[in-house]
Amino acid sequence: MTRRSKREIDRALDDLGPVPGESTLQQLWIASLKRERDAELSAYEQRLLDEPRQHLSEQGRRRLARLRSPQDGDRR
């Protein structure tokens, strides 16, 4: 296997990403940071940013909901 073909295979696997519903909140944050810095996103990272609820794990969805909800100390 040449370096180029190995690199192409690795890239294709990266683009596939984890199974939908298995992504972590950390993966979402990293993709978001990459987008903010105009870095190149893999196809999977773009899908994750487009539809995070579909791709995040149950735990990731709960954490994201908690982060988006107002904190008790913030209510006035």
C-alpha atoms as a PDB file:
ATOM      1  CA  MET A   1       0.000   0.000   0.000  1.00  0.00           C
ATOM      2  CA  THR A   2       1.387   3.372  -0.925  1.00  0.00           C
ATOM      3  CA  ARG A   3       1.384   6.297   1.453  1.00  0.00           C
ATOM      4  CA  ARG A   4      -1.055   8.105  -0.765  1.00  0.00           C
ATOM      5  CA  SER A   5      -3.579   5.264  -0.877  1.00  0.00           C
ATOM      6  CA  LYS A   6      -3.294   4.762   2.897  1.00  0.00           C
ATOM      7  CA  ARG A   7      -3.865   8.485   3.394  1.00  0.00           C
ATOM      8  CA  GLU A   8      -6.911   8.366   1.088  1.00  0.00           C
ATOM      9  CA  ILE A   9      -8.355   5.412   3.019  1.00  0.00           C
ATOM     10  CA  ASP A  10      -7.740   7.145   6.354  1.00  0.00           C
ATOM     11  CA  ARG A  11      -9.439  10.285   5.037  1.00  0.00           C
ATOM     12  CA  ALA A  12     -12.457   8.301   3.815  1.00  0.00           C
ATOM     13  CA  LEU A  13     -12.790   6.619   7.224  1.00  0.00           C
ATOM     14  CA  ASP A  14     -12.537   9.984   8.983  1.00  0.00           C
ATOM     15  CA  ASP A  15     -15.316  11.328   6.767  1.00  0.00           C
ATOM     16  CA  LEU A  16     -17.595   8.460   7.772  1.00  0.00           C
ATOM     17  CA  GLY A  17     -17.162   9.210  11.453  1.00  0.00           C
ATOM     18  CA  PRO A  18     -18.908   7.362  14.266  1.00  0.00           C
ATOM     19  CA  VAL A  19     -22.316   5.776  13.893  1.00  0.00           C
ATOM     20  CA  PRO A  20     -25.122   8.365  14.196  1.00  0.00           C
ATOM     21  CA  GLY A  21     -26.111   8.684  17.827  1.00  0.00           C
ATOM     22  CA  GLU A  22     -22.621   7.865  19.094  1.00  0.00           C
ATOM     23  CA  SER A  23     -20.829  11.226  18.916  1.00  0.00           C
ATOM     24  CA  THR A  24     -19.664  13.019  22.019  1.00  0.00           C
ATOM     25  CA  LEU A  25     -20.157  16.617  23.031  1.00  0.00           C
ATOM     26  CA  GLN A  26     -16.376  16.999  22.787  1.00  0.00           C
ATOM     27  CA  GLN A  27     -16.492  16.038  19.098  1.00  0.00           C
ATOM     28  CA  LEU A  28     -19.201  18.651  18.543  1.00  0.00           C
ATOM     29  CA  TRP A  29     -17.147  21.332  20.301  1.00  0.00           C
ATOM     30  CA  ILE A  30     -14.024  20.499  18.319  1.00  0.00           C
ATOM     31  CA  ALA A  31     -15.952  20.667  15.047  1.00  0.00           C
ATOM     32  CA  SER A  32     -17.458  23.983  16.131  1.00  0.00           C
ATOM     33  CA  LEU A  33     -14.035  25.395  16.978  1.00  0.00           C
ATOM     34  CA  LYS A  34     -12.656  24.230  13.644  1.00  0.00           C
ATOM     35  CA  ARG A  35     -15.527  25.960  11.835  1.00  0.00           C
ATOM     36  CA  GLU A  36     -14.955  29.192  13.791  1.00  0.00           C
ATOM     37  CA  ARG A  37     -11.271  29.130  12.817  1.00  0.00           C
ATOM     38  CA  ASP A  38     -12.102  28.387   9.168  1.00  0.00           C
ATOM     39  CA  ALA A  39     -10.283  25.055   9.388  1.00  0.00           C
ATOM     40  CA  GLU A  40     -11.180  22.265   6.991  1.00  0.00           C
ATOM     41  CA  LEU A  41     -14.018  20.100   8.297  1.00  0.00           C
ATOM     42  CA  SER A  42     -14.465  16.450   7.444  1.00  0.00           C
ATOM     43  CA  ALA A  43     -17.795  15.447   5.947  1.00  0.00           C
ATOM     44  CA  TYR A  44     -18.714  13.845   9.279  1.00  0.00           C
ATOM     45  CA  GLU A  45     -17.882  17.007  11.246  1.00  0.00           C
ATOM     46  CA  GLN A  46     -20.065  19.032   8.891  1.00  0.00           C
ATOM     47  CA  ARG A  47     -22.968  16.597   9.346  1.00  0.00           C
ATOM     48  CA  LEU A  48     -22.467  16.755  13.118  1.00  0.00           C
ATOM     49  CA  LEU A  49     -22.692  20.546  13.062  1.00  0.00           C
ATOM     50  CA  ASP A  50     -25.701  20.515  10.725  1.00  0.00           C
ATOM     51  CA  GLU A  51     -27.724  18.041  12.809  1.00  0.00           C
ATOM     52  CA  PRO A  52     -26.165  17.627  16.270  1.00  0.00           C
ATOM     53  CA  ARG A  53     -29.217  15.966  17.853  1.00  0.00           C
ATOM     54  CA  GLN A  54     -29.147  13.195  15.264  1.00  0.00           C
ATOM     55  CA  HIS A  55     -25.454  12.460  15.778  1.00  0.00           C
ATOM     56  CA  LEU A  56     -24.928  13.031  19.508  1.00  0.00           C
ATOM     57  CA  SER A  57     -25.202  10.185  21.973  1.00  0.00           C
ATOM     58  CA  GLU A  58     -28.030  10.285  24.516  1.00  0.00           C
ATOM     59  CA  GLN A  59     -25.582  11.500  27.156  1.00  0.00           C
ATOM     60  CA  GLY A  60     -24.292  14.185  24.779  1.00  0.00           C
ATOM     61  CA  ARG A  61     -27.828  15.409  24.061  1.00  0.00           C
ATOM     62  CA  ARG A  62     -28.580  15.652  27.798  1.00  0.00           C
ATOM     63  CA  ARG A  63     -25.381  17.593  28.454  1.00  0.00           C
ATOM     64  CA  LEU A  64     -26.067  19.949  25.564  1.00  0.00           C
ATOM     65  CA  ALA A  65     -29.594  20.572  26.869  1.00  0.00           C
ATOM     66  CA  ARG A  66     -28.201  21.353  30.335  1.00  0.00           C
ATOM     67  CA  LEU A  67     -25.702  23.805  28.859  1.00  0.00           C
ATOM     68  CA  ARG A  68     -28.421  25.569  26.897  1.00  0.00           C
ATOM     69  CA  SER A  69     -30.891  25.808  29.800  1.00  0.00           C
ATOM     70  CA  PRO A  70     -30.683  28.818  32.119  1.00  0.00           C
ATOM     71  CA  GLN A  71     -28.831  28.223  35.357  1.00  0.00           C
ATOM     72  CA  ASP A  72     -30.643  28.802  38.661  1.00  0.00           C
ATOM     73  CA  GLY A  73     -28.210  31.561  39.587  1.00  0.00           C
ATOM     74  CA  ASP A  74     -28.804  33.359  36.282  1.00  0.00           C
ATOM     75  CA  ARG A  75     -32.554  33.834  36.797  1.00  0.00           C
ATOM     76  CA  ARG A  76     -33.638  37.303  37.868  1.00  0.00           C
END
